C-alpha atoms as a PDB file:
ATOM      1  CA  MET A   1       2.191   7.100 -10.516  1.00  0.00           C
ATOM      2  CA  LYS A   2      -0.838   7.863  -8.418  1.00  0.00           C
ATOM      3  CA  LEU A   3      -4.151   9.490  -9.095  1.00  0.00           C
ATOM      4  CA  THR A   4      -4.965  12.825  -7.545  1.00  0.00           C
ATOM      5  CA  LEU A   5      -8.134  12.875  -5.437  1.00  0.00           C
ATOM      6  CA  LYS A   6     -10.012  14.580  -8.282  1.00  0.00           C
ATOM      7  CA  GLU A   7      -8.757  11.991 -10.803  1.00  0.00           C
ATOM      8  CA  HIS A   8      -9.633   9.144  -8.449  1.00  0.00           C
ATOM      9  CA  ARG A   9     -13.200  10.418  -8.078  1.00  0.00           C
ATOM     10  CA  ARG A  10     -13.555  10.794 -11.838  1.00  0.00           C
ATOM     11  CA  PHE A  11     -12.121   7.321 -12.476  1.00  0.00           C
ATOM     12  CA  GLU A  12     -14.463   5.751  -9.912  1.00  0.00           C
ATOM     13  CA  ALA A  13     -17.441   7.535 -11.454  1.00  0.00           C
ATOM     14  CA  LEU A  14     -16.503   6.223 -14.902  1.00  0.00           C
ATOM     15  CA  ILE A  15     -15.975   2.635 -13.769  1.00  0.00           C
ATOM     16  CA  ARG A  16     -18.888   2.418 -11.312  1.00  0.00           C
ATOM     17  CA  LYS A  17     -21.535   1.048 -13.685  1.00  0.00           C
ATOM     18  CA  TYR A  18     -19.184  -1.735 -14.748  1.00  0.00           C
ATOM     19  CA  LYS A  19     -18.164  -2.664 -11.205  1.00  0.00           C
ATOM     20  CA  ARG A  20     -21.845  -2.988 -10.251  1.00  0.00           C
ATOM     21  CA  ASN A  21     -22.821  -5.097 -13.261  1.00  0.00           C
ATOM     22  CA  LYS A  22     -23.553  -8.793 -12.614  1.00  0.00           C
ATOM     23  CA  LYS A  23     -21.873  -9.970 -15.840  1.00  0.00           C
ATOM     24  CA  VAL A  24     -18.745  -7.903 -15.211  1.00  0.00           C
ATOM     25  CA  LYS A  25     -18.573  -9.328 -11.672  1.00  0.00           C
ATOM     26  CA  GLU A  26     -18.671 -12.791 -13.262  1.00  0.00           C
ATOM     27  CA  MET A  27     -15.141 -12.093 -14.558  1.00  0.00           C
ATOM     28  CA  ARG A  28     -13.964 -12.665 -10.973  1.00  0.00           C
ATOM     29  CA  ASN A  29     -14.523 -16.390 -11.608  1.00  0.00           C
ATOM     30  CA  TYR A  30     -11.948 -16.638 -14.396  1.00  0.00           C
ATOM     31  CA  ILE A  31      -8.156 -16.503 -14.203  1.00  0.00           C
ATOM     32  CA  GLN A  32      -6.364 -14.245 -16.654  1.00  0.00           C
ATOM     33  CA  HIS A  33      -2.620 -14.465 -15.938  1.00  0.00           C
ATOM     34  CA  GLY A  34      -1.055 -16.428 -13.099  1.00  0.00           C
ATOM     35  CA  SER A  35      -3.490 -16.092 -10.211  1.00  0.00           C
ATOM     36  CA  ILE A  36      -5.006 -12.773 -11.350  1.00  0.00           C
ATOM     37  CA  SER A  37      -8.708 -12.819 -12.211  1.00  0.00           C
ATOM     38  CA  THR A  38      -9.967 -11.356 -15.457  1.00  0.00           C
ATOM     39  CA  TYR A  39     -11.919  -8.843 -13.336  1.00  0.00           C
ATOM     40  CA  ASP A  40      -8.771  -7.606 -11.567  1.00  0.00           C
ATOM     41  CA  HIS A  41      -6.882  -7.596 -14.869  1.00  0.00           C
ATOM     42  CA  VAL A  42      -9.382  -5.329 -16.636  1.00  0.00           C
ATOM     43  CA  LYS A  43      -9.550  -2.983 -13.622  1.00  0.00           C
ATOM     44  CA  SER A  44      -5.750  -2.679 -13.741  1.00  0.00           C
ATOM     45  CA  VAL A  45      -5.810  -2.027 -17.486  1.00  0.00           C
ATOM     46  CA  ALA A  46      -8.510   0.617 -17.003  1.00  0.00           C
ATOM     47  CA  LEU A  47      -6.536   2.351 -14.263  1.00  0.00           C
ATOM     48  CA  LEU A  48      -3.261   2.318 -16.203  1.00  0.00           C
ATOM     49  CA  SER A  49      -5.044   3.535 -19.355  1.00  0.00           C
ATOM     50  CA  TYR A  50      -6.577   6.396 -17.377  1.00  0.00           C
ATOM     51  CA  LEU A  51      -3.217   7.274 -15.796  1.00  0.00           C
ATOM     52  CA  LEU A  52      -1.362   7.216 -19.117  1.00  0.00           C
ATOM     53  CA  ASN A  53      -4.005   9.401 -20.711  1.00  0.00           C
ATOM     54  CA  HIS A  54      -3.861  11.991 -17.926  1.00  0.00           C
ATOM     55  CA  ARG A  55      -0.155  11.960 -17.090  1.00  0.00           C
ATOM     56  CA  PHE A  56       0.919  12.276 -20.695  1.00  0.00           C
ATOM     57  CA  HIS A  57      -1.985  14.526 -21.775  1.00  0.00           C
ATOM     58  CA  LEU A  58      -2.901  12.163 -24.613  1.00  0.00           C
ATOM     59  CA  GLY A  59      -6.358  13.638 -25.119  1.00  0.00           C
ATOM     60  CA  ALA A  60      -8.304  10.383 -25.177  1.00  0.00           C
ATOM     61  CA  ARG A  61     -11.993  10.450 -24.286  1.00  0.00           C
ATOM     62  CA  ASP A  62     -12.233   9.060 -20.750  1.00  0.00           C
ATOM     63  CA  ARG A  63     -15.667   7.463 -21.135  1.00  0.00           C
ATOM     64  CA  VAL A  64     -14.646   5.593 -24.294  1.00  0.00           C
ATOM     65  CA  LEU A  65     -11.241   4.711 -22.850  1.00  0.00           C
ATOM     66  CA  ILE A  66     -12.646   3.212 -19.639  1.00  0.00           C
ATOM     67  CA  ALA A  67     -15.419   1.316 -21.424  1.00  0.00           C
ATOM     68  CA  GLY A  68     -12.912  -0.231 -23.834  1.00  0.00           C
ATOM     69  CA  ALA A  69     -10.450  -1.042 -21.070  1.00  0.00           C
ATOM     70  CA  VAL A  70     -13.010  -2.713 -18.804  1.00  0.00           C
ATOM     71  CA  LEU A  71     -14.690  -4.636 -21.622  1.00  0.00           C
ATOM     72  CA  HIS A  72     -11.638  -5.652 -23.674  1.00  0.00           C
ATOM     73  CA  ASP A  73     -11.593  -9.134 -22.076  1.00  0.00           C
ATOM     74  CA  PHE A  74     -15.340  -9.480 -21.488  1.00  0.00           C
ATOM     75  CA  TYR A  75     -15.438 -13.028 -22.926  1.00  0.00           C
ATOM     76  CA  LEU A  76     -16.844 -14.782 -19.798  1.00  0.00           C
ATOM     77  CA  TYR A  77     -15.161 -18.198 -19.884  1.00  0.00           C
ATOM     78  CA  ASP A  78     -12.011 -19.872 -18.542  1.00  0.00           C
ATOM     79  CA  TRP A  79      -9.711 -19.711 -21.541  1.00  0.00           C
ATOM     80  CA  HIS A  80      -7.272 -22.137 -19.923  1.00  0.00           C
ATOM     81  CA  LYS A  81      -9.870 -24.903 -20.151  1.00  0.00           C
ATOM     82  CA  ASN A  82     -12.147 -24.008 -23.039  1.00  0.00           C
ATOM     83  CA  ARG A  83     -10.258 -22.253 -25.816  1.00  0.00           C
ATOM     84  CA  GLY A  84      -6.562 -23.119 -25.580  1.00  0.00           C
ATOM     85  CA  HIS A  85      -4.241 -21.853 -28.292  1.00  0.00           C
ATOM     86  CA  TYR A  86      -6.840 -19.926 -30.313  1.00  0.00           C
ATOM     87  CA  HIS A  87      -8.087 -17.811 -27.417  1.00  0.00           C
ATOM     88  CA  GLY A  88      -5.676 -14.954 -28.208  1.00  0.00           C
ATOM     89  CA  PHE A  89      -7.042 -14.705 -31.735  1.00  0.00           C
ATOM     90  CA  ASN A  90     -10.735 -15.245 -31.002  1.00  0.00           C
ATOM     91  CA  HIS A  91     -11.564 -13.594 -27.696  1.00  0.00           C
ATOM     92  CA  PRO A  92     -11.658  -9.968 -28.935  1.00  0.00           C
ATOM     93  CA  GLU A  93     -14.657 -10.795 -31.135  1.00  0.00           C
ATOM     94  CA  ILE A  94     -16.380 -12.692 -28.312  1.00  0.00           C
ATOM     95  CA  ALA A  95     -15.715  -9.857 -25.844  1.00  0.00           C
ATOM     96  CA  CYS A  96     -17.026  -7.326 -28.363  1.00  0.00           C
ATOM     97  CA  LYS A  97     -20.210  -9.313 -28.924  1.00  0.00           C
ATOM     98  CA  ASN A  98     -20.780  -9.476 -25.144  1.00  0.00           C
ATOM     99  CA  ALA A  99     -20.071  -5.738 -24.778  1.00  0.00           C
ATOM    100  CA  VAL A 100     -22.654  -4.948 -27.441  1.00  0.00           C
ATOM    101  CA  THR A 101     -25.176  -7.366 -25.915  1.00  0.00           C
ATOM    102  CA  TYR A 102     -24.874  -6.199 -22.305  1.00  0.00           C
ATOM    103  CA  PHE A 103     -23.804  -2.550 -22.684  1.00  0.00           C
ATOM    104  CA  HIS A 104     -24.828  -1.529 -26.225  1.00  0.00           C
ATOM    105  CA  VAL A 105     -21.359  -0.033 -26.785  1.00  0.00           C
ATOM    106  CA  ASP A 106     -20.729   2.172 -29.805  1.00  0.00           C
ATOM    107  CA  ASN A 107     -18.261   1.655 -32.664  1.00  0.00           C
ATOM    108  CA  ASN A 108     -15.511   3.523 -30.790  1.00  0.00           C
ATOM    109  CA  VAL A 109     -15.553   1.061 -27.885  1.00  0.00           C
ATOM    110  CA  GLN A 110     -15.957  -1.893 -30.251  1.00  0.00           C
ATOM    111  CA  GLY A 111     -12.804  -0.771 -32.056  1.00  0.00           C
ATOM    112  CA  ILE A 112     -10.837  -0.792 -28.808  1.00  0.00           C
ATOM    113  CA  ILE A 113     -12.010  -4.277 -27.897  1.00  0.00           C
ATOM    114  CA  LYS A 114     -11.397  -5.753 -31.350  1.00  0.00           C
ATOM    115  CA  SER A 115      -7.885  -4.300 -31.684  1.00  0.00           C
ATOM    116  CA  HIS A 116      -6.474  -4.765 -28.177  1.00  0.00           C
ATOM    117  CA  MET A 117      -4.559  -7.931 -29.139  1.00  0.00           C
ATOM    118  CA  TRP A 118      -2.608  -6.238 -31.923  1.00  0.00           C
ATOM    119  CA  PRO A 119      -0.041  -7.229 -33.217  1.00  0.00           C
ATOM    120  CA  LEU A 120      -1.149 -10.848 -32.597  1.00  0.00           C
ATOM    121  CA  THR A 121      -4.290 -10.042 -34.562  1.00  0.00           C
ATOM    122  CA  LEU A 122      -2.455  -8.464 -37.499  1.00  0.00           C
ATOM    123  CA  THR A 123      -5.504  -7.153 -39.324  1.00  0.00           C
ATOM    124  CA  ARG A 124      -6.956  -5.458 -36.237  1.00  0.00           C
ATOM    125  CA  VAL A 125      -4.681  -2.430 -35.927  1.00  0.00           C
ATOM    126  CA  PRO A 126      -5.807   0.130 -33.315  1.00  0.00           C
ATOM    127  CA  HIS A 127      -7.304   3.174 -35.070  1.00  0.00           C
ATOM    128  CA  SER A 128      -7.965   5.602 -32.228  1.00  0.00           C
ATOM    129  CA  ARG A 129      -6.061   7.186 -29.387  1.00  0.00           C
ATOM    130  CA  GLU A 130      -8.139   5.196 -26.928  1.00  0.00           C
ATOM    131  CA  ALA A 131      -7.448   1.904 -28.735  1.00  0.00           C
ATOM    132  CA  TRP A 132      -3.683   2.514 -28.762  1.00  0.00           C
ATOM    133  CA  ILE A 133      -3.679   3.383 -25.054  1.00  0.00           C
ATOM    134  CA  VAL A 134      -5.676   0.280 -24.057  1.00  0.00           C
ATOM    135  CA  CYS A 135      -3.536  -1.918 -26.318  1.00  0.00           C
ATOM    136  CA  LEU A 136      -0.358  -0.642 -24.628  1.00  0.00           C
ATOM    137  CA  ALA A 137      -1.789  -0.755 -21.099  1.00  0.00           C
ATOM    138  CA  ASP A 138      -3.007  -4.322 -21.669  1.00  0.00           C
ATOM    139  CA  LYS A 139       0.478  -5.444 -22.750  1.00  0.00           C
ATOM    140  CA  LEU A 140       2.139  -3.776 -19.765  1.00  0.00           C
ATOM    141  CA  ILE A 141      -0.343  -5.168 -17.231  1.00  0.00           C
ATOM    142  CA  ALA A 142      -0.208  -8.659 -18.796  1.00  0.00           C
ATOM    143  CA  LEU A 143       3.605  -8.616 -18.579  1.00  0.00           C
ATOM    144  CA  LYS A 144       3.496  -7.535 -14.934  1.00  0.00           C
ATOM    145  CA  GLU A 145       0.899 -10.190 -14.044  1.00  0.00           C
ATOM    146  CA  THR A 146       2.787 -12.933 -15.886  1.00  0.00           C
ATOM    147  CA  LEU A 147       6.137 -12.063 -14.323  1.00  0.00           C
ATOM    148  CA  HIS A 148       4.493 -11.823 -10.902  1.00  0.00           C
ATOM    149  CA  GLY A 149       3.021 -15.305 -11.462  1.00  0.00           C
ATOM    150  CA  LEU A 150       6.524 -16.570 -12.222  1.00  0.00           C
ATOM    151  CA  LYS A 151       7.654 -15.063  -8.899  1.00  0.00           C
ATOM    152  CA  LEU A 152      10.080 -12.694 -10.625  1.00  0.00           C
ATOM    153  CA  PHE A 153       8.838  -9.772  -8.520  1.00  0.00           C
END
């Protein structure tokens, strides 16, 4: 699936402020899955979320969707070294705190960030269209990145 030129321009306009932000750029320093940086991971999740929303006419709010997708892993540390086994459970809260601190995100975006690890975080069920889309896109991108790291592609 590819973006049309109009969709590409809209996506770039929505993601621009995040791509230019110093703290978001810091995510380039941390590995997410295999050899993929957290920065590249969240950009892929944002793009897939946007594509799913538009291709399947899901009716999610693009601004909220992109903010949640870009900031869902905005925890700013190397989880392989610092957090180990509890990272999967704890990082949504850390990412949400950072998103509020640096971007003053609203409750809609906070909900996406806090619930993106469902079902691992059983009590954090996605409650909006945007949260369900980001949760799904994150799982699909993580699977692709992990399998790619295992050289299965």
